[in-house]
Amino acid sequence: MANTASAIKRVRSNERKRLHNRITRTQARTAVRTAREELDAPTDAATTRAATLAAISALDKAAQKGVLHKGNAARRKGRLMKRLATLK
């Protein structure tokens, strides 16, 4: 347990940041999952492309905020774009 006032404040701050990061991480994961589902069963090229671009945007935002490592986001984006390119 934290003993000093600064350590107690840090615990509160970390909890707030954890909850905020969880929201951003969940949004990115949901966007990637939606894009993968579109890539697995493409119904329309435009919706598939839009879902993929939305996932890339979500990954970029998460990486920019420090929720995901930039290399992790880049790897996921590359894999999505690779799958999108094979559909065309």
N, C-alpha and C. Protein backbone atom coordinates (compact mmCIF):
# COMPACT_ATOMS: atom_id res chain seq x y z
N MET A 1 0.84 -1.18 0.00
CA MET A 1 0.00 0.00 0.00
C MET A 1 0.88 1.24 0.00
N ALA A 2 0.39 2.27 -0.67
CA ALA A 2 1.16 3.51 -0.75
C ALA A 2 1.22 4.21 0.60
N ASN A 3 2.38 4.75 0.93
CA ASN A 3 2.57 5.39 2.22
C ASN A 3 2.61 6.91 2.13
N THR A 4 3.20 7.43 1.09
CA THR A 4 3.34 8.88 1.00
C THR A 4 2.16 9.49 0.25
N ALA A 5 1.99 10.78 0.42
CA ALA A 5 0.89 11.48 -0.25
C ALA A 5 1.05 11.43 -1.76
N SER A 6 2.29 11.57 -2.22
CA SER A 6 2.52 11.54 -3.67
C SER A 6 2.25 10.15 -4.25
N ALA A 7 2.56 9.11 -3.48
CA ALA A 7 2.30 7.74 -3.94
C ALA A 7 0.80 7.47 -3.98
N ILE A 8 0.07 7.99 -3.01
CA ILE A 8 -1.39 7.81 -2.99
C ILE A 8 -2.00 8.52 -4.19
N LYS A 9 -1.51 9.74 -4.47
CA LYS A 9 -2.00 10.47 -5.63
C LYS A 9 -1.67 9.72 -6.92
N ARG A 10 -0.49 9.14 -6.99
CA ARG A 10 -0.08 8.39 -8.18
C ARG A 10 -1.00 7.19 -8.39
N VAL A 11 -1.41 6.53 -7.33
CA VAL A 11 -2.33 5.39 -7.44
C VAL A 11 -3.66 5.84 -8.05
N ARG A 12 -4.18 6.99 -7.56
CA ARG A 12 -5.43 7.51 -8.11
C ARG A 12 -5.27 7.90 -9.57
N SER A 13 -4.16 8.52 -9.88
CA SER A 13 -3.89 8.96 -11.26
C SER A 13 -3.77 7.75 -12.19
N ASN A 14 -3.06 6.73 -11.75
CA ASN A 14 -2.88 5.53 -12.57
C ASN A 14 -4.22 4.84 -12.84
N GLU A 15 -5.10 4.84 -11.87
CA GLU A 15 -6.41 4.21 -12.05
C GLU A 15 -7.22 4.97 -13.11
N ARG A 16 -7.21 6.30 -13.05
CA ARG A 16 -7.91 7.10 -14.06
C ARG A 16 -7.35 6.83 -15.45
N LYS A 17 -6.03 6.80 -15.55
CA LYS A 17 -5.38 6.56 -16.85
C LYS A 17 -5.68 5.16 -17.36
N ARG A 18 -5.71 4.19 -16.45
CA ARG A 18 -5.99 2.81 -16.85
C ARG A 18 -7.37 2.70 -17.47
N LEU A 19 -8.36 3.34 -16.83
CA LEU A 19 -9.72 3.29 -17.36
C LEU A 19 -9.83 3.99 -18.71
N HIS A 20 -9.16 5.10 -18.85
CA HIS A 20 -9.18 5.83 -20.12
C HIS A 20 -8.48 5.03 -21.21
N ASN A 21 -7.35 4.41 -20.88
CA ASN A 21 -6.63 3.60 -21.86
C ASN A 21 -7.45 2.39 -22.28
N ARG A 22 -8.21 1.84 -21.34
CA ARG A 22 -9.02 0.66 -21.66
C ARG A 22 -10.08 1.01 -22.70
N ILE A 23 -10.65 2.20 -22.61
CA ILE A 23 -11.65 2.63 -23.59
C ILE A 23 -11.03 2.72 -24.97
N THR A 24 -9.88 3.36 -25.06
CA THR A 24 -9.20 3.53 -26.35
C THR A 24 -8.79 2.18 -26.92
N ARG A 25 -8.26 1.30 -26.07
CA ARG A 25 -7.83 -0.02 -26.53
C ARG A 25 -9.02 -0.84 -27.04
N THR A 26 -10.15 -0.75 -26.33
CA THR A 26 -11.34 -1.49 -26.74
C THR A 26 -11.87 -0.98 -28.07
N GLN A 27 -11.87 0.33 -28.26
CA GLN A 27 -12.32 0.89 -29.53
C GLN A 27 -11.44 0.42 -30.69
N ALA A 28 -10.15 0.37 -30.47
CA ALA A 28 -9.24 -0.08 -31.51
C ALA A 28 -9.47 -1.56 -31.82
N ARG A 29 -9.62 -2.37 -30.78
CA ARG A 29 -9.84 -3.80 -30.99
C ARG A 29 -11.15 -4.06 -31.73
N THR A 30 -12.19 -3.33 -31.37
CA THR A 30 -13.48 -3.49 -32.03
C THR A 30 -13.38 -3.11 -33.50
N ALA A 31 -12.68 -2.03 -33.79
CA ALA A 31 -12.52 -1.61 -35.19
C ALA A 31 -11.74 -2.65 -35.98
N VAL A 32 -10.71 -3.21 -35.39
CA VAL A 32 -9.92 -4.24 -36.08
C VAL A 32 -10.76 -5.49 -36.29
N ARG A 33 -11.55 -5.88 -35.29
CA ARG A 33 -12.40 -7.06 -35.42
C ARG A 33 -13.42 -6.86 -36.53
N THR A 34 -14.02 -5.68 -36.59
CA THR A 34 -15.00 -5.39 -37.64
C THR A 34 -14.34 -5.45 -39.01
N ALA A 35 -13.14 -4.90 -39.13
CA ALA A 35 -12.42 -4.93 -40.41
C ALA A 35 -12.09 -6.36 -40.81
N ARG A 36 -11.67 -7.18 -39.84
CA ARG A 36 -11.35 -8.58 -40.16
C ARG A 36 -12.60 -9.34 -40.63
N GLU A 37 -13.72 -9.07 -39.98
CA GLU A 37 -14.96 -9.73 -40.38
C GLU A 37 -15.34 -9.32 -41.80
N GLU A 38 -15.16 -8.06 -42.14
CA GLU A 38 -15.43 -7.60 -43.50
C GLU A 38 -14.47 -8.23 -44.49
N LEU A 39 -13.22 -8.39 -44.09
CA LEU A 39 -12.23 -8.99 -44.99
C LEU A 39 -12.48 -10.48 -45.18
N ASP A 40 -13.02 -11.14 -44.16
CA ASP A 40 -13.29 -12.57 -44.27
C ASP A 40 -14.47 -12.85 -45.20
N ALA A 41 -15.51 -12.03 -45.11
CA ALA A 41 -16.70 -12.22 -45.93
C ALA A 41 -17.05 -10.89 -46.59
N PRO A 42 -16.30 -10.50 -47.61
CA PRO A 42 -16.55 -9.19 -48.22
C PRO A 42 -17.88 -9.18 -48.98
N THR A 43 -18.72 -8.24 -48.61
CA THR A 43 -19.99 -8.07 -49.30
C THR A 43 -19.90 -6.94 -50.31
N ASP A 44 -19.22 -5.88 -49.91
CA ASP A 44 -19.09 -4.72 -50.78
C ASP A 44 -17.67 -4.18 -50.60
N ALA A 45 -17.02 -3.87 -51.70
CA ALA A 45 -15.64 -3.40 -51.64
C ALA A 45 -15.54 -2.08 -50.88
N ALA A 46 -16.53 -1.23 -51.04
CA ALA A 46 -16.48 0.08 -50.38
C ALA A 46 -16.60 -0.05 -48.87
N THR A 47 -17.50 -0.91 -48.39
CA THR A 47 -17.65 -1.08 -46.94
C THR A 47 -16.43 -1.78 -46.34
N THR A 48 -15.85 -2.72 -47.10
CA THR A 48 -14.66 -3.40 -46.62
C THR A 48 -13.51 -2.41 -46.48
N ARG A 49 -13.35 -1.57 -47.49
CA ARG A 49 -12.28 -0.56 -47.45
C ARG A 49 -12.53 0.45 -46.33
N ALA A 50 -13.77 0.87 -46.16
CA ALA A 50 -14.10 1.83 -45.10
C ALA A 50 -13.83 1.24 -43.72
N ALA A 51 -14.18 -0.02 -43.52
CA ALA A 51 -13.94 -0.67 -42.22
C ALA A 51 -12.44 -0.79 -41.95
N THR A 52 -11.68 -1.10 -42.98
CA THR A 52 -10.23 -1.23 -42.82
C THR A 52 -9.60 0.12 -42.49
N LEU A 53 -10.03 1.16 -43.19
CA LEU A 53 -9.49 2.49 -42.92
C LEU A 53 -9.89 2.99 -41.53
N ALA A 54 -11.10 2.63 -41.08
CA ALA A 54 -11.52 3.00 -39.73
C ALA A 54 -10.65 2.30 -38.69
N ALA A 55 -10.32 1.04 -38.94
CA ALA A 55 -9.46 0.29 -38.02
C ALA A 55 -8.07 0.90 -37.98
N ILE A 56 -7.55 1.29 -39.12
CA ILE A 56 -6.22 1.90 -39.17
C ILE A 56 -6.22 3.22 -38.41
N SER A 57 -7.28 3.98 -38.56
CA SER A 57 -7.39 5.24 -37.84
C SER A 57 -7.42 5.01 -36.33
N ALA A 58 -8.18 4.02 -35.90
CA ALA A 58 -8.28 3.70 -34.47
C ALA A 58 -6.93 3.24 -33.92
N LEU A 59 -6.20 2.45 -34.71
CA LEU A 59 -4.88 2.00 -34.27
C LEU A 59 -3.90 3.17 -34.18
N ASP A 60 -3.97 4.09 -35.15
CA ASP A 60 -3.10 5.27 -35.11
C ASP A 60 -3.38 6.12 -33.88
N LYS A 61 -4.65 6.30 -33.55
CA LYS A 61 -5.00 7.10 -32.38
C LYS A 61 -4.52 6.44 -31.10
N ALA A 62 -4.67 5.13 -31.02
CA ALA A 62 -4.22 4.41 -29.83
C ALA A 62 -2.70 4.49 -29.68
N ALA A 63 -1.99 4.39 -30.80
CA ALA A 63 -0.53 4.48 -30.75
C ALA A 63 -0.09 5.90 -30.40
N GLN A 64 -0.79 6.89 -30.92
CA GLN A 64 -0.45 8.28 -30.64
C GLN A 64 -0.62 8.60 -29.16
N LYS A 65 -1.64 8.02 -28.54
CA LYS A 65 -1.91 8.26 -27.13
C LYS A 65 -1.04 7.41 -26.21
N GLY A 66 -0.30 6.46 -26.79
CA GLY A 66 0.56 5.63 -25.99
C GLY A 66 -0.13 4.41 -25.42
N VAL A 67 -1.35 4.15 -25.86
CA VAL A 67 -2.08 2.98 -25.36
C VAL A 67 -1.51 1.72 -25.99
N LEU A 68 -1.18 1.78 -27.27
CA LEU A 68 -0.50 0.69 -27.97
C LEU A 68 0.90 1.15 -28.36
N HIS A 69 1.82 0.22 -28.41
CA HIS A 69 3.15 0.55 -28.90
C HIS A 69 3.07 0.83 -30.39
N LYS A 70 3.87 1.77 -30.87
CA LYS A 70 3.77 2.17 -32.27
C LYS A 70 4.12 1.02 -33.21
N GLY A 71 5.02 0.15 -32.80
CA GLY A 71 5.35 -1.01 -33.62
C GLY A 71 4.21 -2.01 -33.68
N ASN A 72 3.51 -2.16 -32.56
CA ASN A 72 2.35 -3.05 -32.49
C ASN A 72 1.27 -2.55 -33.44
N ALA A 73 1.00 -1.25 -33.40
CA ALA A 73 -0.01 -0.66 -34.28
C ALA A 73 0.40 -0.79 -35.74
N ALA A 74 1.67 -0.55 -36.03
CA ALA A 74 2.16 -0.65 -37.40
C ALA A 74 2.03 -2.07 -37.94
N ARG A 75 2.32 -3.05 -37.09
CA ARG A 75 2.21 -4.44 -37.51
C ARG A 75 0.76 -4.80 -37.83
N ARG A 76 -0.15 -4.38 -36.97
CA ARG A 76 -1.56 -4.68 -37.21
C ARG A 76 -2.07 -3.99 -38.47
N LYS A 77 -1.66 -2.73 -38.67
CA LYS A 77 -2.07 -1.99 -39.86
C LYS A 77 -1.54 -2.66 -41.11
N GLY A 78 -0.29 -3.10 -41.06
CA GLY A 78 0.31 -3.77 -42.22
C GLY A 78 -0.42 -5.05 -42.57
N ARG A 79 -0.80 -5.80 -41.58
CA ARG A 79 -1.51 -7.06 -41.84
C ARG A 79 -2.89 -6.80 -42.43
N LEU A 80 -3.57 -5.75 -41.93
CA LEU A 80 -4.88 -5.41 -42.48
C LEU A 80 -4.75 -4.97 -43.94
N MET A 81 -3.78 -4.12 -44.21
CA MET A 81 -3.60 -3.62 -45.58
C MET A 81 -3.19 -4.74 -46.53
N LYS A 82 -2.41 -5.68 -46.04
CA LYS A 82 -1.98 -6.81 -46.85
C LYS A 82 -3.20 -7.65 -47.26
N ARG A 83 -4.11 -7.87 -46.30
CA ARG A 83 -5.32 -8.64 -46.60
C ARG A 83 -6.25 -7.87 -47.53
N LEU A 84 -6.30 -6.56 -47.37
CA LEU A 84 -7.14 -5.74 -48.23
C LEU A 84 -6.62 -5.77 -49.66
N ALA A 85 -5.29 -5.76 -49.81
CA ALA A 85 -4.70 -5.77 -51.14
C ALA A 85 -4.94 -7.10 -51.87
N THR A 86 -5.02 -8.19 -51.12
CA THR A 86 -5.22 -9.49 -51.77
C THR A 86 -6.65 -9.65 -52.28
N LEU A 87 -7.60 -8.85 -51.74
CA LEU A 87 -8.98 -8.95 -52.20
C LEU A 87 -9.18 -8.34 -53.58
N LYS A 88 -8.33 -7.38 -53.92
CA LYS A 88 -8.54 -6.65 -55.17
C LYS A 88 -8.03 -7.37 -56.38
